[in-house]
């Protein structure tokens, strides 16, 4: 772990806040004033370790010490969780037609209004032309097993397609990745096919004449030859204007009558019939749900600092907590299924409350003061007591363009903050 120190000499002296305690503190869902969080942390650790072992520290000391830690440490911890889960729980990993279903999506994260962050991440202007400091995030998400396999937070000007291709270090054989409309392109398709990675991408009807011709044909499925744009430079490319890729186009009719066009690398219609793709593409919604959790339940935009380093630390720390929560919830799915047998509706874990229950228990899970089995059992029992029903066929009418109004409406929510 000490490999994630900014300098080799950091944390070599006996300090009030050693490397391990600093990590534990940062992992404990810091969403209140740092002073309050420090007081709660010291009190909690004193009870667990004994009054002589948990040493108090100041907000200033925390701010100075966090500069010595690379944000990548949280990416490393998150990867340990996911790698171990896929290896240990291999037999229970959920697949679809034998494929691991992943999704990539980007989202805009609002940052504190600070000159350093404005320079490093960029800004946009709202309806009143006020400058809002923002960053662009991208995640590679296992939609069936609910894990973030890779994540980035970057400058607002970095395009989603560029970030998506950075995730390819985590691609594996038998992966299928789902994308929305912002990603299609010859080079993007080719990057996947060169690595034998399957994809499913929603296409704009105006994407190309090839798509327009397919729409007009009335066919439900067709294999077409996709060519690169003829007016672009091919310098330093491993393809030219005569290159072609075989892509399968699919016409999907939604329940509201809207027609969607999907492009996929799964060409075998016998092995992958047309009827599977509507359900498959709908699974992409899970990555949207993840961003809702990240922003509204984990409250990622409640950052604890004004430096680029602190923003990255907070972001990757939240990803780690999300994956940790997934491990716990996945571990009680069988018990939850048993409970659901006697109920009118199927019930699921209340994810908002689950993050609140993780507060402080994260410390128990990671510092090994209390046996992990005891902590997990307590956490699982309390999660099973706090479930919410899944009511089928419930939809919310989408109001297109509602945020184009000059003032964004204030919407009071029934959901209360859990952390």
Protein backbone atom coordinates (compact mmCIF):
# COMPACT_ATOMS: atom_id res chain seq x y z
CA UNK A 1 0.00 0.00 0.00
CA UNK A 2 2.89 2.37 0.68
CA UNK A 3 3.53 2.30 -3.08
CA UNK A 4 0.70 4.83 -3.30
CA UNK A 5 2.58 7.49 -1.37
CA UNK A 6 3.32 10.60 -3.44
CA UNK A 7 6.93 10.58 -2.17
CA UNK A 8 8.97 7.74 -0.71
CA UNK A 9 9.68 9.72 2.46
CA UNK A 10 5.99 10.30 3.20
CA UNK A 11 4.64 8.49 6.29
CA UNK A 12 8.11 7.24 7.31
CA UNK A 13 8.00 9.06 10.64
CA UNK A 14 5.67 8.13 13.50
CA UNK A 15 2.81 10.57 13.00
CA UNK A 16 -0.52 11.09 14.74
CA UNK A 17 -2.26 10.10 11.53
CA UNK A 18 -0.49 7.11 9.95
CA UNK A 19 -1.15 6.01 6.37
CA UNK A 20 -3.62 3.25 7.34
CA UNK A 21 -5.70 5.51 9.63
CA UNK A 22 -5.83 8.22 6.99
CA UNK A 23 -7.19 5.75 4.43
CA UNK A 24 -9.80 4.46 6.89
CA UNK A 25 -10.91 7.99 7.65
CA UNK A 26 -11.29 8.85 3.95
CA UNK A 27 -13.22 5.63 3.28
CA UNK A 28 -15.80 6.37 5.95
CA UNK A 29 -18.20 8.32 3.72
CA UNK A 30 -17.09 11.87 4.53
CA UNK A 31 -20.15 13.97 3.78
CA UNK A 32 -20.36 16.28 6.82
CA UNK A 33 -18.00 19.02 7.97
CA UNK A 34 -14.48 17.60 8.23
CA UNK A 35 -14.27 18.71 11.87
CA UNK A 36 -17.40 16.71 12.73
CA UNK A 37 -16.18 13.71 10.74
CA UNK A 38 -12.84 13.77 12.58
CA UNK A 39 -14.58 13.88 15.96
CA UNK A 40 -16.84 10.95 15.03
CA UNK A 41 -13.92 8.96 13.63
CA UNK A 42 -11.70 9.46 16.68
CA UNK A 43 -14.54 8.56 19.05
CA UNK A 44 -15.38 5.43 17.07
CA UNK A 45 -11.78 4.25 16.76
CA UNK A 46 -11.13 4.97 20.44
CA UNK A 47 -13.99 2.65 21.39
CA UNK A 48 -12.66 -0.05 19.09
CA UNK A 49 -8.92 0.28 19.66
CA UNK A 50 -8.76 1.62 23.19
CA UNK A 51 -8.36 5.22 24.30
CA UNK A 52 -4.55 5.13 24.12
CA UNK A 53 -4.41 4.07 20.47
CA UNK A 54 -6.78 6.43 18.64
CA UNK A 55 -5.07 9.82 18.47
CA UNK A 56 -6.96 13.01 17.66
CA UNK A 57 -5.91 15.16 14.69
CA UNK A 58 -6.94 18.48 13.21
CA UNK A 59 -8.60 19.40 9.93
CA UNK A 60 -5.36 21.09 8.86
CA UNK A 61 -3.38 17.91 9.56
CA UNK A 62 -5.82 15.91 7.42
CA UNK A 63 -5.60 18.41 4.55
CA UNK A 64 -1.80 18.27 4.63
CA UNK A 65 -1.56 14.49 4.96
CA UNK A 66 -4.02 13.68 2.18
CA UNK A 67 -1.64 15.44 -0.24
CA UNK A 68 0.77 12.54 0.35
CA UNK A 69 -1.64 9.90 -1.00
CA UNK A 70 -2.16 9.10 -4.67
CA UNK A 71 -5.84 8.80 -5.68
CA UNK A 72 -4.95 5.54 -7.45
CA UNK A 73 -4.93 3.76 -4.08
CA UNK A 74 -8.74 3.74 -4.13
CA UNK A 75 -8.78 2.35 -7.67
CA UNK A 76 -6.43 -0.38 -6.46
CA UNK A 77 -8.66 -1.25 -3.49
CA UNK A 78 -11.73 -1.30 -5.72
CA UNK A 79 -10.03 -3.65 -8.18
CA UNK A 80 -9.11 -6.02 -5.32
CA UNK A 81 -12.80 -6.23 -4.37
CA UNK A 82 -14.04 -6.94 -7.89
CA UNK A 83 -11.23 -9.36 -8.80
CA UNK A 84 -11.74 -11.38 -5.64
CA UNK A 85 -15.49 -11.46 -6.13
CA UNK A 86 -15.29 -12.74 -9.71
CA UNK A 87 -12.77 -15.42 -8.69
CA UNK A 88 -14.47 -16.59 -5.48
CA UNK A 89 -18.07 -16.32 -6.72
CA UNK A 90 -17.35 -17.52 -10.25
CA UNK A 91 -20.19 -20.04 -10.24
CA UNK A 92 -22.77 -17.40 -9.26
CA UNK A 93 -21.72 -14.66 -11.71
CA UNK A 94 -24.75 -13.62 -13.75
CA UNK A 95 -24.43 -13.87 -17.54
CA UNK A 96 -26.78 -13.31 -20.48
CA UNK A 97 -26.59 -15.84 -23.33
CA UNK A 98 -23.18 -16.78 -21.96
CA UNK A 99 -21.91 -13.17 -22.12
CA UNK A 100 -20.85 -10.83 -19.33
CA UNK A 101 -22.95 -7.73 -19.98
CA UNK A 102 -21.20 -4.42 -19.40
CA UNK A 103 -22.26 -0.86 -20.11
CA UNK A 104 -20.31 2.34 -20.56
CA UNK A 105 -21.76 5.76 -19.97
CA UNK A 106 -20.51 9.22 -19.15
CA UNK A 107 -21.92 11.82 -16.81
CA UNK A 108 -21.21 15.40 -15.80
CA UNK A 109 -20.05 15.92 -12.21
CA UNK A 110 -20.38 19.39 -10.67
CA UNK A 111 -17.30 20.49 -8.70
CA UNK A 112 -16.68 23.24 -6.14
CA UNK A 113 -16.30 26.67 -7.74
CA UNK A 114 -12.54 27.07 -7.37
CA UNK A 115 -9.97 28.54 -9.83
CA UNK A 116 -7.72 25.46 -9.70
CA UNK A 117 -10.58 23.11 -10.49
CA UNK A 118 -11.90 25.42 -13.18
CA UNK A 119 -8.48 25.26 -14.87
CA UNK A 120 -7.95 21.50 -14.47
CA UNK A 121 -11.47 20.27 -15.24
CA UNK A 122 -13.21 23.02 -17.19
CA UNK A 123 -16.59 24.71 -16.88
CA UNK A 124 -19.89 25.23 -18.62
CA UNK A 125 -22.47 27.99 -18.44
CA UNK A 126 -26.00 27.58 -17.14
CA UNK A 127 -29.16 29.32 -18.33
CA UNK A 128 -28.15 32.56 -16.63
CA UNK A 129 -24.64 32.40 -18.17
CA UNK A 130 -23.07 31.66 -14.82
CA UNK A 131 -19.92 29.55 -15.04
CA UNK A 132 -20.29 26.12 -13.39
CA UNK A 133 -17.12 24.12 -12.73
CA UNK A 134 -17.65 20.56 -13.94
CA UNK A 135 -15.83 17.36 -14.87
CA UNK A 136 -16.71 14.41 -17.08
CA UNK A 137 -16.91 10.94 -15.55
CA UNK A 138 -17.02 7.60 -17.32
CA UNK A 139 -17.56 4.12 -15.91
CA UNK A 140 -17.40 0.56 -17.21
CA UNK A 141 -20.24 -1.13 -15.33
CA UNK A 142 -21.25 -4.78 -14.99
CA UNK A 143 -25.01 -4.29 -15.26
CA UNK A 144 -26.00 -7.76 -14.03
CA UNK A 145 -23.59 -8.09 -11.12
CA UNK A 146 -23.62 -4.34 -10.25
CA UNK A 147 -19.87 -3.67 -10.14
CA UNK A 148 -17.86 -0.72 -11.46
CA UNK A 149 -14.95 -2.40 -13.24
CA UNK A 150 -13.24 0.82 -14.28
CA UNK A 151 -13.80 4.55 -13.86
CA UNK A 152 -12.33 7.91 -14.81
CA UNK A 153 -12.92 11.52 -13.93
CA UNK A 154 -11.43 13.92 -16.43
CA UNK A 155 -11.56 17.34 -18.05
CA UNK A 156 -15.00 18.33 -19.30
CA UNK A 157 -13.70 18.68 -22.86
CA UNK A 158 -12.61 15.03 -23.12
CA UNK A 159 -15.14 13.25 -25.30
CA UNK A 160 -17.14 10.28 -24.01
CA UNK A 161 -15.89 8.09 -26.87
CA UNK A 162 -12.26 8.75 -25.93
CA UNK A 163 -12.91 7.88 -22.30
CA UNK A 164 -14.82 4.75 -23.30
CA UNK A 165 -11.82 3.39 -25.19
CA UNK A 166 -9.61 3.95 -22.13
CA UNK A 167 -11.67 1.27 -20.41
CA UNK A 168 -10.36 -1.38 -22.80
CA UNK A 169 -7.66 -2.40 -20.30
CA UNK A 170 -10.50 -4.08 -18.39
CA UNK A 171 -12.13 -5.79 -21.39
CA UNK A 172 -12.14 -9.58 -21.34
CA UNK A 173 -13.17 -12.38 -23.67
CA UNK A 174 -16.94 -13.02 -23.71
CA UNK A 175 -17.72 -9.43 -22.75
CA UNK A 176 -20.49 -7.53 -24.50
CA UNK A 177 -20.56 -3.78 -23.96
CA UNK A 178 -23.69 -1.67 -24.37
CA UNK A 179 -23.45 1.99 -25.44
CA UNK A 180 -25.90 4.81 -26.05
CA UNK A 181 -26.16 7.08 -29.10
CA UNK A 182 -23.07 9.21 -28.45
CA UNK A 183 -20.57 6.47 -29.24
CA UNK A 184 -21.03 4.96 -32.75
CA UNK A 185 -18.27 5.38 -35.32
CA UNK A 186 -16.11 3.27 -37.63
CA UNK A 187 -12.98 3.56 -35.52
CA UNK A 188 -14.95 2.85 -32.36
CA UNK A 189 -16.47 -0.29 -33.86
CA UNK A 190 -13.08 -1.39 -35.13
CA UNK A 191 -11.40 -0.99 -31.73
CA UNK A 192 -13.83 -3.57 -30.34
CA UNK A 193 -13.69 -5.98 -33.26
CA UNK A 194 -9.87 -5.92 -33.24
CA UNK A 195 -10.01 -7.13 -29.62
CA UNK A 196 -12.86 -9.62 -30.30
CA UNK A 197 -15.11 -7.69 -27.91
CA UNK A 198 -18.81 -7.65 -28.73
CA UNK A 199 -20.95 -4.53 -28.52
CA UNK A 200 -24.51 -3.26 -28.79
CA UNK A 201 -24.94 0.42 -29.64
CA UNK A 202 -28.00 2.57 -30.18
CA UNK A 203 -27.80 4.42 -33.49
CA UNK A 204 -29.21 7.74 -34.57
CA UNK A 205 -31.40 7.35 -37.64
CA UNK A 206 -29.45 10.22 -39.22
CA UNK A 207 -26.14 8.53 -38.37
CA UNK A 208 -25.49 7.53 -41.98
CA UNK A 209 -27.21 6.70 -45.26
CA UNK A 210 -26.66 3.05 -44.39
CA UNK A 211 -28.90 3.40 -41.33
CA UNK A 212 -31.46 5.44 -43.26
CA UNK A 213 -31.64 2.75 -45.97
CA UNK A 214 -32.11 0.07 -43.32
CA UNK A 215 -34.97 2.02 -41.74
CA UNK A 216 -36.67 2.46 -45.09
CA UNK A 217 -36.26 -1.23 -45.94
CA UNK A 218 -38.62 -2.21 -43.14
CA UNK A 219 -36.40 -5.15 -42.17
CA UNK A 220 -36.11 -6.23 -38.55
CA UNK A 221 -32.48 -7.34 -38.91
CA UNK A 222 -29.77 -7.05 -41.55
CA UNK A 223 -25.99 -7.44 -41.81
CA UNK A 224 -24.45 -4.42 -43.51
CA UNK A 225 -20.96 -3.25 -44.39
CA UNK A 226 -20.06 -0.16 -42.41
CA UNK A 227 -17.46 2.14 -44.00
CA UNK A 228 -15.43 5.02 -42.55
CA UNK A 229 -16.27 8.62 -43.37
CA UNK A 230 -14.98 9.40 -46.84
CA UNK A 231 -13.97 13.00 -46.09
CA UNK A 232 -11.60 12.31 -43.21
CA UNK A 233 -7.84 11.92 -43.11
CA UNK A 234 -6.51 8.36 -42.98
CA UNK A 235 -2.98 9.38 -42.08
CA UNK A 236 -1.45 7.06 -39.45
CA UNK A 237 -4.58 4.88 -39.51
CA UNK A 238 -4.54 1.12 -40.02
CA UNK A 239 -7.52 1.41 -42.36
CA UNK A 240 -8.46 3.49 -45.42
CA UNK A 241 -11.56 4.65 -47.29
CA UNK A 242 -12.06 1.20 -48.85
CA UNK A 243 -12.16 -0.58 -45.49
CA UNK A 244 -15.41 -2.15 -44.31
CA UNK A 245 -16.76 -3.74 -41.14
CA UNK A 246 -19.64 -6.18 -40.97
CA UNK A 247 -22.24 -4.88 -38.53
CA UNK A 248 -25.72 -6.19 -37.78
CA UNK A 249 -28.50 -3.60 -37.61
CA UNK A 250 -31.68 -4.28 -35.65
CA UNK A 251 -35.06 -2.58 -35.59
CA UNK A 252 -36.57 -2.56 -32.09
CA UNK A 253 -40.12 -1.34 -31.47
CA UNK A 254 -40.74 -0.03 -27.96
CA UNK A 255 -44.03 -0.30 -26.07
CA UNK A 256 -44.81 3.36 -26.85
CA UNK A 257 -44.45 2.76 -30.58
CA UNK A 258 -41.03 4.43 -30.90
CA UNK A 259 -38.58 2.65 -33.21
CA UNK A 260 -34.96 2.30 -32.09
CA UNK A 261 -32.08 1.16 -34.28
CA UNK A 262 -29.32 -0.89 -32.66
CA UNK A 263 -25.96 -1.95 -34.09
CA UNK A 264 -24.22 -5.07 -32.85
CA UNK A 265 -21.26 -7.30 -33.55
CA UNK A 266 -23.37 -10.40 -32.81
CA UNK A 267 -23.98 -11.47 -36.40
CA UNK A 268 -25.28 -15.01 -35.83
CA UNK A 269 -29.08 -14.63 -35.85
CA UNK A 270 -29.59 -18.29 -34.93
CA UNK A 271 -27.44 -18.03 -31.80
CA UNK A 272 -28.51 -14.47 -30.97
CA UNK A 273 -32.14 -14.07 -32.15
CA UNK A 274 -33.76 -10.71 -32.71
CA UNK A 275 -36.09 -11.15 -29.72
CA UNK A 276 -33.21 -11.03 -27.19
CA UNK A 277 -31.99 -7.55 -28.07
CA UNK A 278 -34.82 -5.48 -26.64
CA UNK A 279 -34.25 -7.04 -23.21
CA UNK A 280 -30.49 -6.81 -23.65
CA UNK A 281 -30.43 -3.11 -24.50
CA UNK A 282 -32.79 -2.35 -21.61
CA UNK A 283 -30.11 -3.65 -19.24
CA UNK A 284 -28.11 -0.52 -20.04
CA UNK A 285 -30.48 1.33 -17.72
CA UNK A 286 -28.52 -0.12 -14.77
CA UNK A 287 -25.59 2.20 -15.46
CA UNK A 288 -28.00 5.15 -15.33
CA UNK A 289 -29.23 3.84 -11.97
CA UNK A 290 -25.63 3.67 -10.79
CA UNK A 291 -25.11 7.38 -11.54
CA UNK A 292 -28.29 8.15 -9.60
CA UNK A 293 -26.82 6.30 -6.62
CA UNK A 294 -23.45 8.01 -7.05
CA UNK A 295 -24.92 11.51 -7.09
CA UNK A 296 -28.05 11.30 -4.96
CA UNK A 297 -27.28 8.55 -2.44
CA UNK A 298 -23.49 8.53 -2.18
CA UNK A 299 -23.53 12.31 -2.75
CA UNK A 300 -20.32 12.37 -4.75
CA UNK A 301 -20.67 16.10 -5.40
CA UNK A 302 -20.16 16.82 -1.67
CA UNK A 303 -16.39 17.03 -2.19
CA UNK A 304 -14.03 17.40 0.76
CA UNK A 305 -11.39 19.59 -0.87
CA UNK A 306 -10.58 22.11 -3.58
CA UNK A 307 -7.54 20.49 -5.21
CA UNK A 308 -7.55 18.19 -8.23
CA UNK A 309 -6.01 15.49 -6.06
CA UNK A 310 -8.80 15.68 -3.47
CA UNK A 311 -11.47 15.56 -6.19
CA UNK A 312 -9.93 12.39 -7.62
CA UNK A 313 -9.55 10.88 -4.14
CA UNK A 314 -13.21 11.51 -3.31
CA UNK A 315 -14.42 10.20 -6.68
CA UNK A 316 -12.48 6.92 -6.62
CA UNK A 317 -13.23 6.46 -2.93
CA UNK A 318 -16.97 6.63 -3.72
CA UNK A 319 -16.52 4.02 -6.45
CA UNK A 320 -14.84 1.74 -3.90
CA UNK A 321 -17.71 2.18 -1.43
CA UNK A 322 -20.22 1.38 -4.19
CA UNK A 323 -18.42 -1.86 -4.99
CA UNK A 324 -18.15 -2.76 -1.31
CA UNK A 325 -21.89 -2.24 -0.92
CA UNK A 326 -22.49 -4.48 -3.95
CA UNK A 327 -20.47 -7.31 -2.39
CA UNK A 328 -22.63 -7.14 0.74
CA UNK A 329 -25.93 -6.97 -1.16
CA UNK A 330 -25.00 -9.76 -3.59
CA UNK A 331 -24.21 -11.93 -0.59
CA UNK A 332 -27.79 -11.84 0.70
CA UNK A 333 -29.70 -12.31 -2.56
CA UNK A 334 -30.54 -15.94 -1.79
CA UNK A 335 -31.99 -15.03 1.62
CA UNK A 336 -33.91 -12.17 0.02
CA UNK A 337 -35.32 -14.56 -2.60
CA UNK A 338 -36.54 -16.85 0.18
CA UNK A 339 -38.28 -13.92 1.91
CA UNK A 340 -39.94 -12.90 -1.36
CA UNK A 341 -41.64 -16.30 -1.82
CA UNK A 342 -44.31 -15.40 0.73
CA UNK A 343 -44.90 -11.82 -0.41
CA UNK A 344 -47.18 -10.28 -3.03
CA UNK A 345 -44.37 -8.23 -4.53
CA UNK A 346 -40.69 -9.03 -4.87
CA UNK A 347 -38.62 -6.88 -2.53
CA UNK A 348 -35.15 -5.43 -2.97
CA UNK A 349 -32.59 -3.85 -0.68
CA UNK A 350 -33.07 -0.13 -0.03
CA UNK A 351 -29.82 1.16 -1.52
CA UNK A 352 -30.19 4.61 0.01
CA UNK A 353 -30.35 3.16 3.53
CA UNK A 354 -27.66 0.60 2.76
CA UNK A 355 -25.06 3.37 2.37
CA UNK A 356 -26.17 4.87 5.66
CA UNK A 357 -25.77 1.50 7.38
CA UNK A 358 -22.26 1.21 5.92
CA UNK A 359 -21.18 4.36 7.77
CA UNK A 360 -18.70 3.34 10.50
CA UNK A 361 -19.24 -0.34 9.64
CA UNK A 362 -16.77 0.32 6.82
CA UNK A 363 -14.20 0.82 9.55
CA UNK A 364 -15.14 -2.49 11.17
CA UNK A 365 -14.91 -4.29 7.84
CA UNK A 366 -11.52 -2.85 6.91
CA UNK A 367 -9.59 -2.48 10.14
CA UNK A 368 -10.28 -6.05 11.38
CA UNK A 369 -10.87 -4.98 14.97
CA UNK A 370 -14.20 -6.77 15.01
CA UNK A 371 -14.31 -10.16 13.20
CA UNK A 372 -15.48 -9.54 9.63
CA UNK A 373 -18.02 -12.37 9.87
CA UNK A 374 -19.74 -10.63 12.79
CA UNK A 375 -19.86 -7.27 11.00
CA UNK A 376 -21.24 -8.81 7.80
CA UNK A 377 -23.88 -10.78 9.68
CA UNK A 378 -25.06 -7.67 11.52
CA UNK A 379 -25.09 -5.65 8.30
CA UNK A 380 -26.92 -8.34 6.35
CA UNK A 381 -29.60 -8.67 9.03
CA UNK A 382 -30.29 -4.95 9.10
CA UNK A 383 -30.40 -4.74 5.29
CA UNK A 384 -32.90 -7.59 5.10
CA UNK A 385 -35.12 -5.70 7.55
CA UNK A 386 -35.08 -2.60 5.34
CA UNK A 387 -36.34 -3.65 1.94
CA UNK A 388 -38.67 -1.94 -0.50
CA UNK A 389 -41.16 -3.52 -2.96
CA UNK A 390 -40.50 -3.75 -6.69
CA UNK A 391 -43.78 -2.73 -8.28
CA UNK A 392 -43.89 -3.92 -11.91
CA UNK A 393 -44.86 -1.81 -14.91
CA UNK A 394 -44.33 1.53 -13.19
CA UNK A 395 -43.08 4.28 -15.49
CA UNK A 396 -42.39 7.98 -15.18
CA UNK A 397 -43.38 10.22 -18.06
CA UNK A 398 -40.26 11.82 -19.49
CA UNK A 399 -40.61 15.58 -19.95
CA UNK A 400 -38.26 16.34 -22.82
CA UNK A 401 -36.78 19.82 -22.62
CA UNK A 402 -38.03 20.58 -19.11
CA UNK A 403 -34.60 21.87 -18.05
CA UNK A 404 -34.43 24.32 -20.94
CA UNK A 405 -36.49 26.67 -18.82
CA UNK A 406 -34.61 29.63 -17.40
CA UNK A 407 -35.01 28.48 -13.81
CA UNK A 408 -34.71 24.86 -12.83
CA UNK A 409 -37.77 23.92 -10.73
CA UNK A 410 -37.27 22.87 -7.14
CA UNK A 411 -38.58 19.34 -6.69
CA UNK A 412 -39.14 18.23 -3.13
CA UNK A 413 -38.37 14.55 -2.64
CA UNK A 414 -39.72 12.07 -0.13
CA UNK A 415 -36.35 10.30 0.08
CA UNK A 416 -34.35 11.46 3.10
CA UNK A 417 -30.58 11.60 3.20
CA UNK A 418 -29.00 8.47 4.66
CA UNK A 419 -25.43 9.73 4.98
